[in-house]
């Protein structure tokens, strides 16, 4: 089946002055999955954190998702949307979240949805780079356009496919945080490094 993917790199929270604050590192806080158009995070979101959503649709060419928002912060930013033949993989994010119990809602339609919260990310201009790719193979690949992995970088990879019967596995050097599966309709996964 056809597979699509996208990757995002966000920078670590910087300390006062120049250089990286080694005492603060990006960290996974919580995640959630659903098949649908709305999902409530289990714990309250912490102020200043980064929220990321991976959405996979099986839509025959027209992306039904027109936006993502939550009840605490409002609208999120679309970082990437990849058409992969049978659907789309969308990556949305919100930086510098307000504190509160958040329910994330998709506008326009639903899909296989994974959401993650990360701490230790800069409050503004966190998105460093985005790259994406689509194609048909057994391995999802959408590598970055520039060198990554230095001090203070969080790499978030998302991907999905349609007509699949099981979830995705993490790529080399990554940890799979969440995977939403609707057998033979859509599958996605959110991983980080």
N, C-alpha and C. Protein backbone atom coordinates (compact mmCIF):
# COMPACT_ATOMS: atom_id res chain seq x y z
N UNK A 1 0.83 -1.18 0.00
CA UNK A 1 0.00 0.00 0.00
C UNK A 1 0.87 1.24 0.00
N UNK A 2 0.28 2.37 -0.35
CA UNK A 2 1.01 3.62 -0.38
C UNK A 2 1.23 4.14 1.03
N UNK A 3 2.38 4.74 1.26
CA UNK A 3 2.75 5.22 2.58
C UNK A 3 3.17 6.69 2.47
N UNK A 4 2.78 7.52 3.40
CA UNK A 4 3.18 8.92 3.41
C UNK A 4 3.78 9.27 4.75
N UNK A 5 4.60 10.32 4.80
CA UNK A 5 5.18 10.71 6.06
C UNK A 5 5.59 12.16 6.08
N UNK A 6 5.80 12.69 7.27
CA UNK A 6 6.29 14.04 7.46
C UNK A 6 7.15 14.07 8.71
N UNK A 7 8.09 15.00 8.80
CA UNK A 7 8.94 15.12 9.97
C UNK A 7 9.08 16.58 10.36
N UNK A 8 9.19 16.85 11.65
CA UNK A 8 9.34 18.20 12.17
C UNK A 8 10.49 18.21 13.16
N UNK A 9 11.27 19.27 13.16
CA UNK A 9 12.29 19.48 14.18
C UNK A 9 11.95 20.76 14.92
N UNK A 10 11.82 20.70 16.23
CA UNK A 10 11.58 21.89 17.05
C UNK A 10 12.75 22.06 18.00
N UNK A 11 13.12 23.31 18.25
CA UNK A 11 14.27 23.60 19.11
C UNK A 11 13.92 23.51 20.59
N UNK A 12 14.92 23.20 21.41
CA UNK A 12 14.80 23.12 22.87
C UNK A 12 14.66 24.51 23.47
N UNK A 13 14.01 24.60 24.61
CA UNK A 13 13.89 25.83 25.36
C UNK A 13 15.28 26.37 25.66
N UNK A 14 15.55 27.60 25.26
CA UNK A 14 16.86 28.22 25.46
C UNK A 14 16.92 28.92 26.81
N UNK A 15 18.08 28.87 27.43
CA UNK A 15 18.27 29.58 28.69
C UNK A 15 18.52 31.06 28.44
N UNK A 16 18.59 31.85 29.48
CA UNK A 16 18.88 33.28 29.32
C UNK A 16 20.28 33.43 28.73
N UNK A 17 20.45 34.39 27.87
CA UNK A 17 21.74 34.60 27.23
C UNK A 17 21.92 33.66 26.07
N UNK A 18 23.14 33.40 25.68
CA UNK A 18 23.39 32.54 24.53
C UNK A 18 23.64 31.11 24.97
N UNK A 19 23.44 30.19 24.05
CA UNK A 19 23.71 28.79 24.33
C UNK A 19 22.49 28.05 24.84
N UNK A 20 22.62 26.76 24.91
CA UNK A 20 21.53 25.89 25.33
C UNK A 20 21.57 25.71 26.84
N UNK A 21 20.41 25.73 27.46
CA UNK A 21 20.30 25.46 28.89
C UNK A 21 20.28 23.94 29.06
N UNK A 22 21.40 23.35 29.41
CA UNK A 22 21.52 21.89 29.48
C UNK A 22 20.63 21.28 30.55
N UNK A 23 20.16 22.09 31.50
CA UNK A 23 19.31 21.57 32.56
C UNK A 23 17.89 21.30 32.06
N UNK A 24 17.53 21.88 30.92
CA UNK A 24 16.19 21.71 30.37
C UNK A 24 16.31 21.02 29.02
N UNK A 25 15.73 19.86 28.91
CA UNK A 25 15.77 19.12 27.65
C UNK A 25 14.34 18.83 27.20
N UNK A 26 14.11 18.71 25.89
CA UNK A 26 12.78 18.34 25.43
C UNK A 26 12.38 16.99 26.03
N UNK A 27 11.10 16.88 26.43
CA UNK A 27 10.63 15.64 27.04
C UNK A 27 9.19 15.37 26.64
N UNK A 28 8.90 14.10 26.35
CA UNK A 28 7.54 13.67 26.08
C UNK A 28 6.77 13.70 27.39
N UNK A 29 5.57 14.31 27.38
CA UNK A 29 4.75 14.43 28.58
C UNK A 29 3.58 13.45 28.55
N UNK A 30 2.81 13.47 27.46
CA UNK A 30 1.65 12.59 27.33
C UNK A 30 1.24 12.51 25.87
N UNK A 31 0.44 11.49 25.58
CA UNK A 31 -0.09 11.33 24.24
C UNK A 31 -1.47 10.70 24.29
N UNK A 32 -2.16 10.77 23.15
CA UNK A 32 -3.49 10.19 23.05
C UNK A 32 -3.79 9.86 21.59
N UNK A 33 -4.71 8.92 21.37
CA UNK A 33 -5.10 8.55 20.01
C UNK A 33 -6.60 8.40 19.90
N UNK A 34 -7.10 8.56 18.68
CA UNK A 34 -8.51 8.31 18.40
C UNK A 34 -8.70 8.07 16.91
N UNK A 35 -9.80 7.48 16.57
CA UNK A 35 -10.28 7.45 15.20
C UNK A 35 -11.52 8.34 15.23
N UNK A 36 -11.43 9.50 14.63
CA UNK A 36 -12.54 10.44 14.69
C UNK A 36 -12.08 11.86 14.46
N UNK A 37 -12.77 12.82 15.09
CA UNK A 37 -12.44 14.22 14.87
C UNK A 37 -12.27 15.02 16.17
N UNK A 38 -12.28 14.34 17.32
CA UNK A 38 -12.11 15.03 18.59
C UNK A 38 -11.45 14.09 19.60
N UNK A 39 -10.52 14.64 20.38
CA UNK A 39 -9.84 13.81 21.38
C UNK A 39 -9.48 14.67 22.59
N UNK A 40 -9.77 14.16 23.78
CA UNK A 40 -9.41 14.84 25.02
C UNK A 40 -8.12 14.25 25.56
N UNK A 41 -7.17 15.11 25.91
CA UNK A 41 -5.95 14.64 26.55
C UNK A 41 -6.27 14.22 27.98
N UNK A 42 -5.63 13.16 28.45
CA UNK A 42 -5.92 12.57 29.75
C UNK A 42 -5.60 13.49 30.90
N UNK A 43 -4.45 14.17 30.82
CA UNK A 43 -4.02 15.08 31.88
C UNK A 43 -4.12 16.52 31.37
N UNK A 44 -4.20 17.46 32.29
CA UNK A 44 -4.18 18.88 31.90
C UNK A 44 -2.84 19.20 31.25
N UNK A 45 -2.88 20.05 30.24
CA UNK A 45 -1.67 20.50 29.54
C UNK A 45 -0.97 21.54 30.41
N UNK A 46 0.35 21.51 30.42
CA UNK A 46 1.15 22.47 31.19
C UNK A 46 1.43 23.71 30.35
N UNK A 47 1.36 24.87 30.96
CA UNK A 47 1.65 26.12 30.27
C UNK A 47 3.06 26.09 29.68
N UNK A 48 3.18 26.56 28.46
CA UNK A 48 4.47 26.66 27.79
C UNK A 48 4.86 25.44 26.98
N UNK A 49 4.08 24.36 27.04
CA UNK A 49 4.44 23.13 26.33
C UNK A 49 4.07 23.19 24.85
N UNK A 50 4.63 22.25 24.09
CA UNK A 50 4.37 22.09 22.66
C UNK A 50 3.36 20.96 22.48
N UNK A 51 2.35 21.18 21.65
CA UNK A 51 1.38 20.14 21.29
C UNK A 51 1.54 19.83 19.82
N UNK A 52 1.51 18.54 19.49
CA UNK A 52 1.69 18.08 18.11
C UNK A 52 0.57 17.11 17.78
N UNK A 53 -0.01 17.24 16.58
CA UNK A 53 -1.06 16.31 16.12
C UNK A 53 -0.69 15.73 14.77
N UNK A 54 -0.85 14.43 14.65
CA UNK A 54 -0.65 13.69 13.39
C UNK A 54 -2.02 13.16 12.99
N UNK A 55 -2.45 13.49 11.77
CA UNK A 55 -3.76 13.07 11.28
C UNK A 55 -3.57 12.34 9.96
N UNK A 56 -4.10 11.13 9.87
CA UNK A 56 -4.10 10.38 8.62
C UNK A 56 -5.53 10.17 8.17
N UNK A 57 -5.79 10.52 6.91
CA UNK A 57 -7.13 10.35 6.36
C UNK A 57 -7.07 9.38 5.18
N UNK A 58 -8.20 8.78 4.90
CA UNK A 58 -8.38 7.94 3.73
C UNK A 58 -9.49 8.62 2.95
N UNK A 59 -9.10 9.54 2.05
CA UNK A 59 -10.05 10.50 1.51
C UNK A 59 -10.16 10.57 0.00
N UNK A 60 -9.49 9.72 -0.72
CA UNK A 60 -9.55 9.68 -2.18
C UNK A 60 -9.13 10.98 -2.84
N UNK A 61 -8.24 11.75 -2.21
CA UNK A 61 -7.63 12.88 -2.88
C UNK A 61 -7.92 14.27 -2.36
N UNK A 62 -9.01 14.48 -1.66
CA UNK A 62 -9.31 15.81 -1.11
C UNK A 62 -9.20 15.75 0.40
N UNK A 63 -8.23 16.47 0.94
CA UNK A 63 -7.99 16.46 2.39
C UNK A 63 -9.20 17.05 3.11
N UNK A 64 -9.89 16.26 3.93
CA UNK A 64 -11.06 16.78 4.62
C UNK A 64 -10.72 17.65 5.83
N UNK A 65 -9.50 17.56 6.34
CA UNK A 65 -9.13 18.31 7.54
C UNK A 65 -8.70 19.71 7.12
N UNK A 66 -9.45 20.70 7.57
CA UNK A 66 -9.18 22.10 7.20
C UNK A 66 -8.55 22.89 8.34
N UNK A 67 -8.45 22.29 9.51
CA UNK A 67 -7.84 22.96 10.64
C UNK A 67 -7.89 22.12 11.90
N UNK A 68 -7.08 22.50 12.88
CA UNK A 68 -7.06 21.85 14.19
C UNK A 68 -7.08 22.96 15.24
N UNK A 69 -7.84 22.74 16.30
CA UNK A 69 -7.90 23.70 17.40
C UNK A 69 -8.14 22.93 18.69
N UNK A 70 -7.91 23.59 19.81
CA UNK A 70 -8.32 23.02 21.09
C UNK A 70 -9.06 24.07 21.89
N UNK A 71 -9.78 23.63 22.90
CA UNK A 71 -10.64 24.50 23.68
C UNK A 71 -9.89 25.44 24.62
N UNK A 72 -8.59 25.20 24.83
CA UNK A 72 -7.80 26.04 25.73
C UNK A 72 -7.03 27.11 24.96
N UNK A 73 -6.47 26.75 23.81
CA UNK A 73 -5.57 27.63 23.07
C UNK A 73 -6.13 28.19 21.77
N UNK A 74 -7.12 27.55 21.18
CA UNK A 74 -7.62 27.98 19.89
C UNK A 74 -6.92 27.25 18.75
N UNK A 75 -6.75 27.95 17.63
CA UNK A 75 -6.24 27.34 16.39
C UNK A 75 -4.77 26.95 16.48
N UNK A 76 -4.43 25.82 15.83
CA UNK A 76 -3.07 25.33 15.72
C UNK A 76 -2.52 25.69 14.33
N UNK A 77 -1.22 25.49 14.14
CA UNK A 77 -0.55 25.77 12.87
C UNK A 77 -0.32 24.47 12.11
N UNK A 78 -0.63 24.49 10.80
CA UNK A 78 -0.34 23.33 9.96
C UNK A 78 1.12 23.43 9.51
N UNK A 79 1.91 22.40 9.82
CA UNK A 79 3.31 22.35 9.41
C UNK A 79 3.47 21.64 8.08
N UNK A 80 2.60 20.66 7.82
CA UNK A 80 2.75 19.87 6.60
C UNK A 80 1.47 19.12 6.29
N UNK A 81 1.22 18.93 5.00
CA UNK A 81 0.15 18.06 4.53
C UNK A 81 0.67 17.32 3.32
N UNK A 82 0.64 16.00 3.38
CA UNK A 82 1.19 15.17 2.30
C UNK A 82 0.06 14.33 1.70
N UNK A 83 -0.13 14.46 0.40
CA UNK A 83 -1.09 13.62 -0.34
C UNK A 83 -0.34 12.35 -0.73
N UNK A 84 -0.89 11.19 -0.37
CA UNK A 84 -0.20 9.95 -0.69
C UNK A 84 -1.03 9.01 -1.56
N UNK A 85 -1.97 9.52 -2.30
CA UNK A 85 -2.74 8.67 -3.21
C UNK A 85 -4.12 8.36 -2.68
N UNK A 86 -4.17 7.66 -1.56
CA UNK A 86 -5.47 7.30 -0.96
C UNK A 86 -5.89 8.25 0.13
N UNK A 87 -5.06 9.19 0.49
CA UNK A 87 -5.39 10.07 1.60
C UNK A 87 -4.32 11.10 1.85
N UNK A 88 -4.30 11.61 3.07
CA UNK A 88 -3.35 12.63 3.48
C UNK A 88 -2.78 12.32 4.85
N UNK A 89 -1.57 12.78 5.08
CA UNK A 89 -0.98 12.82 6.41
C UNK A 89 -0.73 14.29 6.71
N UNK A 90 -1.37 14.79 7.77
CA UNK A 90 -1.24 16.18 8.17
C UNK A 90 -0.50 16.26 9.50
N UNK A 91 0.34 17.28 9.63
CA UNK A 91 1.05 17.53 10.87
C UNK A 91 0.72 18.95 11.32
N UNK A 92 0.11 19.07 12.49
CA UNK A 92 -0.22 20.36 13.10
C UNK A 92 0.52 20.48 14.42
N UNK A 93 0.78 21.74 14.84
CA UNK A 93 1.42 21.94 16.14
C UNK A 93 0.94 23.25 16.76
N UNK A 94 1.10 23.33 18.07
CA UNK A 94 0.82 24.54 18.83
C UNK A 94 1.93 24.69 19.85
N UNK A 95 2.64 25.81 19.80
CA UNK A 95 3.72 26.05 20.76
C UNK A 95 3.25 27.00 21.85
N UNK A 96 3.91 26.93 22.99
CA UNK A 96 3.63 27.80 24.13
C UNK A 96 2.17 27.69 24.58
N UNK A 97 1.75 26.48 24.83
CA UNK A 97 0.37 26.20 25.23
C UNK A 97 0.01 26.90 26.54
N UNK A 98 -1.27 27.23 26.66
CA UNK A 98 -1.81 27.67 27.94
C UNK A 98 -2.10 26.42 28.76
N UNK A 99 -2.18 26.57 30.07
CA UNK A 99 -2.48 25.44 30.95
C UNK A 99 -3.98 25.17 30.95
N UNK A 100 -4.33 23.89 31.01
CA UNK A 100 -5.73 23.53 31.11
C UNK A 100 -6.02 22.16 30.55
N UNK A 101 -7.25 21.71 30.77
CA UNK A 101 -7.70 20.42 30.25
C UNK A 101 -8.12 20.61 28.80
N UNK A 102 -7.35 20.05 27.88
CA UNK A 102 -7.53 20.32 26.46
C UNK A 102 -8.25 19.19 25.73
N UNK A 103 -9.21 19.59 24.90
CA UNK A 103 -9.84 18.70 23.93
C UNK A 103 -9.48 19.23 22.55
N UNK A 104 -8.84 18.39 21.75
CA UNK A 104 -8.39 18.77 20.41
C UNK A 104 -9.47 18.37 19.41
N UNK A 105 -9.82 19.31 18.51
CA UNK A 105 -10.88 19.08 17.54
C UNK A 105 -10.39 19.38 16.14
N UNK A 106 -10.73 18.49 15.20
CA UNK A 106 -10.40 18.69 13.79
C UNK A 106 -11.58 19.35 13.10
N UNK A 107 -11.31 20.32 12.26
CA UNK A 107 -12.35 20.98 11.47
C UNK A 107 -12.41 20.31 10.09
N UNK A 108 -13.61 20.12 9.60
CA UNK A 108 -13.80 19.62 8.24
C UNK A 108 -13.93 18.12 8.11
N UNK A 109 -13.38 17.36 9.03
CA UNK A 109 -13.45 15.90 8.93
C UNK A 109 -12.54 15.25 9.94
N UNK A 110 -12.55 13.93 9.95
CA UNK A 110 -11.76 13.19 10.92
C UNK A 110 -10.81 12.23 10.26
N UNK A 111 -10.19 11.41 11.09
CA UNK A 111 -9.24 10.42 10.61
C UNK A 111 -8.64 9.66 11.77
N UNK A 112 -7.51 9.03 11.51
CA UNK A 112 -6.70 8.42 12.56
C UNK A 112 -5.85 9.55 13.14
N UNK A 113 -5.99 9.81 14.44
CA UNK A 113 -5.39 11.00 15.06
C UNK A 113 -4.50 10.59 16.23
N UNK A 114 -3.28 11.12 16.28
CA UNK A 114 -2.41 11.00 17.43
C UNK A 114 -2.01 12.41 17.88
N UNK A 115 -2.00 12.62 19.18
CA UNK A 115 -1.64 13.92 19.75
C UNK A 115 -0.59 13.68 20.82
N UNK A 116 0.41 14.56 20.89
CA UNK A 116 1.45 14.45 21.92
C UNK A 116 1.75 15.82 22.50
N UNK A 117 2.15 15.83 23.77
CA UNK A 117 2.58 17.04 24.47
C UNK A 117 4.06 16.87 24.83
N UNK A 118 4.84 17.93 24.59
CA UNK A 118 6.27 17.95 24.93
C UNK A 118 6.59 19.18 25.75
N UNK A 119 7.46 19.01 26.74
CA UNK A 119 7.97 20.14 27.52
C UNK A 119 9.39 20.46 27.05
N UNK A 120 9.91 21.63 27.46
CA UNK A 120 11.28 21.99 27.15
C UNK A 120 11.50 22.52 25.75
N UNK A 121 10.47 23.11 25.15
CA UNK A 121 10.57 23.65 23.79
C UNK A 121 10.43 25.17 23.87
N UNK A 122 11.18 25.89 23.02
CA UNK A 122 11.09 27.36 23.03
C UNK A 122 9.65 27.80 22.82
N UNK A 123 9.31 28.97 23.36
CA UNK A 123 7.94 29.46 23.31
C UNK A 123 7.57 30.09 21.97
N UNK A 124 8.55 30.52 21.19
CA UNK A 124 8.27 31.15 19.90
C UNK A 124 9.26 30.64 18.86
N UNK A 125 8.82 30.58 17.64
CA UNK A 125 9.67 30.15 16.51
C UNK A 125 10.33 28.81 16.76
N UNK A 126 9.57 27.86 17.31
CA UNK A 126 10.12 26.55 17.65
C UNK A 126 10.37 25.68 16.43
N UNK A 127 9.59 25.86 15.36
CA UNK A 127 9.72 25.00 14.19
C UNK A 127 10.99 25.33 13.43
N UNK A 128 11.89 24.37 13.36
CA UNK A 128 13.18 24.55 12.72
C UNK A 128 13.09 24.17 11.24
N UNK A 129 12.53 23.01 10.94
CA UNK A 129 12.42 22.56 9.55
C UNK A 129 11.35 21.50 9.42
N UNK A 130 10.83 21.37 8.21
CA UNK A 130 9.83 20.37 7.89
C UNK A 130 10.21 19.76 6.55
N UNK A 131 10.10 18.48 6.45
CA UNK A 131 10.27 17.81 5.18
C UNK A 131 9.25 16.69 5.11
N UNK A 132 8.86 16.32 3.91
CA UNK A 132 7.89 15.23 3.77
C UNK A 132 8.13 14.47 2.49
N UNK A 133 7.56 13.30 2.44
CA UNK A 133 7.69 12.46 1.26
C UNK A 133 6.52 11.50 1.23
N UNK A 134 6.22 10.99 0.04
CA UNK A 134 5.21 9.95 -0.08
C UNK A 134 5.67 8.96 -1.13
N UNK A 135 5.08 7.80 -1.10
CA UNK A 135 5.45 6.77 -2.06
C UNK A 135 4.93 5.44 -1.59
N UNK A 136 5.28 4.41 -2.32
CA UNK A 136 4.86 3.07 -1.91
C UNK A 136 6.09 2.24 -1.61
N UNK A 137 6.20 1.84 -0.36
CA UNK A 137 7.29 0.98 0.08
C UNK A 137 6.89 0.42 1.44
N UNK A 138 7.73 -0.45 1.96
CA UNK A 138 7.44 -1.02 3.28
C UNK A 138 8.06 -0.20 4.40
N UNK A 139 8.84 0.83 4.07
CA UNK A 139 9.49 1.65 5.08
C UNK A 139 9.14 3.13 4.86
N UNK A 140 8.61 3.75 5.86
CA UNK A 140 8.25 5.16 5.83
C UNK A 140 9.50 6.00 6.01
N UNK A 141 9.77 6.91 5.06
CA UNK A 141 10.97 7.74 5.16
C UNK A 141 10.64 9.16 4.72
N UNK A 142 10.99 10.12 5.55
CA UNK A 142 10.86 11.54 5.24
C UNK A 142 11.93 12.29 6.01
N UNK A 143 13.17 12.14 5.60
CA UNK A 143 14.30 12.69 6.34
C UNK A 143 14.38 14.19 6.28
N UNK A 144 15.10 14.81 7.21
CA UNK A 144 15.23 16.26 7.25
C UNK A 144 16.10 16.78 6.10
N UNK A 145 15.94 18.07 5.83
CA UNK A 145 16.70 18.68 4.75
C UNK A 145 18.07 19.16 5.20
N UNK A 146 18.29 19.32 6.48
CA UNK A 146 19.57 19.77 7.03
C UNK A 146 19.92 18.88 8.22
N UNK A 147 21.17 18.99 8.65
CA UNK A 147 21.63 18.18 9.78
C UNK A 147 20.79 18.46 11.02
N UNK A 148 20.45 17.41 11.75
CA UNK A 148 19.68 17.53 12.98
C UNK A 148 20.35 16.73 14.08
N UNK A 149 19.78 16.81 15.26
CA UNK A 149 20.25 15.98 16.36
C UNK A 149 21.23 16.66 17.28
N UNK A 150 21.46 17.96 17.09
CA UNK A 150 22.35 18.67 18.00
C UNK A 150 21.67 18.89 19.34
N UNK A 151 22.42 19.46 20.26
CA UNK A 151 21.88 19.75 21.58
C UNK A 151 20.66 20.64 21.44
N UNK A 152 19.60 20.28 22.13
CA UNK A 152 18.42 21.13 22.16
C UNK A 152 17.43 20.90 21.04
N UNK A 153 17.54 19.83 20.29
CA UNK A 153 16.59 19.57 19.22
C UNK A 153 15.71 18.37 19.53
N UNK A 154 14.44 18.54 19.26
CA UNK A 154 13.47 17.47 19.35
C UNK A 154 13.06 17.15 17.92
N UNK A 155 13.17 15.90 17.51
CA UNK A 155 12.75 15.49 16.18
C UNK A 155 11.47 14.69 16.34
N UNK A 156 10.40 15.17 15.70
CA UNK A 156 9.12 14.49 15.73
C UNK A 156 8.82 14.01 14.33
N UNK A 157 8.60 12.71 14.19
CA UNK A 157 8.25 12.13 12.91
C UNK A 157 6.83 11.61 12.96
N UNK A 158 6.07 11.87 11.90
CA UNK A 158 4.71 11.34 11.81
C UNK A 158 4.54 10.67 10.47
N UNK A 159 3.66 9.70 10.42
CA UNK A 159 3.41 9.03 9.15
C UNK A 159 2.13 8.25 9.20
N UNK A 160 1.68 7.85 8.05
CA UNK A 160 0.45 7.08 8.00
C UNK A 160 0.25 6.42 6.66
N UNK A 161 -0.74 5.55 6.62
CA UNK A 161 -1.09 4.87 5.38
C UNK A 161 -2.53 4.40 5.47
N UNK A 162 -3.09 4.08 4.33
CA UNK A 162 -4.44 3.52 4.31
C UNK A 162 -4.36 2.05 3.93
N UNK A 163 -5.46 1.38 4.07
CA UNK A 163 -5.56 -0.04 3.71
C UNK A 163 -4.52 -0.90 4.42
N UNK A 164 -4.26 -0.57 5.67
CA UNK A 164 -3.29 -1.33 6.45
C UNK A 164 -4.00 -2.01 7.62
N UNK A 165 -3.53 -3.15 7.99
CA UNK A 165 -4.18 -3.91 9.05
C UNK A 165 -3.55 -3.79 10.40
N UNK A 166 -2.41 -3.09 10.52
CA UNK A 166 -1.76 -3.00 11.83
C UNK A 166 -1.06 -1.66 11.96
N UNK A 167 -0.53 -1.39 13.15
CA UNK A 167 0.14 -0.13 13.42
C UNK A 167 1.52 -0.04 12.82
N UNK A 168 2.15 1.10 12.99
CA UNK A 168 3.50 1.35 12.51
C UNK A 168 4.50 1.06 13.62
N UNK A 169 5.75 0.87 13.26
CA UNK A 169 6.82 0.71 14.24
C UNK A 169 7.77 1.89 14.12
N UNK A 170 8.51 2.17 15.17
CA UNK A 170 9.43 3.30 15.18
C UNK A 170 10.61 3.07 14.26
N UNK A 171 11.09 4.16 13.69
CA UNK A 171 12.29 4.11 12.87
C UNK A 171 13.53 4.00 13.75
N UNK A 172 14.66 3.72 13.15
CA UNK A 172 15.92 3.59 13.88
C UNK A 172 16.24 4.88 14.63
N UNK A 173 16.48 4.77 15.93
CA UNK A 173 16.81 5.92 16.76
C UNK A 173 15.60 6.69 17.26
N UNK A 174 14.39 6.22 16.97
CA UNK A 174 13.17 6.90 17.39
C UNK A 174 12.39 6.04 18.38
N UNK A 175 11.50 6.69 19.14
CA UNK A 175 10.59 6.02 20.05
C UNK A 175 9.17 6.29 19.58
N UNK A 176 8.40 5.23 19.32
CA UNK A 176 7.01 5.39 18.93
C UNK A 176 6.21 5.78 20.17
N UNK A 177 5.58 6.94 20.13
CA UNK A 177 4.82 7.44 21.28
C UNK A 177 3.34 7.07 21.19
N UNK A 178 2.76 7.18 20.02
CA UNK A 178 1.34 6.89 19.84
C UNK A 178 1.12 6.35 18.44
N UNK A 179 0.11 5.49 18.30
CA UNK A 179 -0.29 4.97 17.00
C UNK A 179 -1.79 4.74 17.01
N UNK A 180 -2.48 5.31 16.02
CA UNK A 180 -3.93 5.13 15.89
C UNK A 180 -4.19 4.19 14.72
N UNK A 181 -5.02 3.18 14.96
CA UNK A 181 -5.26 2.15 13.95
C UNK A 181 -6.76 1.94 13.75
N UNK A 182 -7.20 2.05 12.52
CA UNK A 182 -8.54 1.64 12.12
C UNK A 182 -8.32 0.63 11.01
N UNK A 183 -8.38 -0.65 11.35
CA UNK A 183 -8.00 -1.71 10.40
C UNK A 183 -8.61 -1.51 9.02
N UNK A 184 -7.73 -1.53 8.03
CA UNK A 184 -8.06 -1.46 6.62
C UNK A 184 -8.69 -0.13 6.21
N UNK A 185 -8.56 0.90 7.06
CA UNK A 185 -9.01 2.23 6.69
C UNK A 185 -7.85 3.23 6.78
N UNK A 186 -7.26 3.39 7.96
CA UNK A 186 -6.13 4.30 8.13
C UNK A 186 -5.34 3.92 9.36
N UNK A 187 -4.02 4.12 9.28
CA UNK A 187 -3.10 3.86 10.38
C UNK A 187 -2.14 5.04 10.43
N UNK A 188 -1.78 5.52 11.63
CA UNK A 188 -0.72 6.51 11.72
C UNK A 188 0.11 6.29 12.97
N UNK A 189 1.23 6.97 13.03
CA UNK A 189 2.10 6.88 14.19
C UNK A 189 2.86 8.17 14.41
N UNK A 190 3.16 8.48 15.68
CA UNK A 190 3.92 9.66 16.05
C UNK A 190 5.12 9.16 16.86
N UNK A 191 6.31 9.54 16.40
CA UNK A 191 7.54 9.10 17.05
C UNK A 191 8.43 10.31 17.31
N UNK A 192 9.41 10.15 18.20
CA UNK A 192 10.34 11.24 18.46
C UNK A 192 11.73 10.70 18.75
N UNK A 193 12.69 11.61 18.67
CA UNK A 193 14.07 11.26 18.95
C UNK A 193 14.74 12.44 19.64
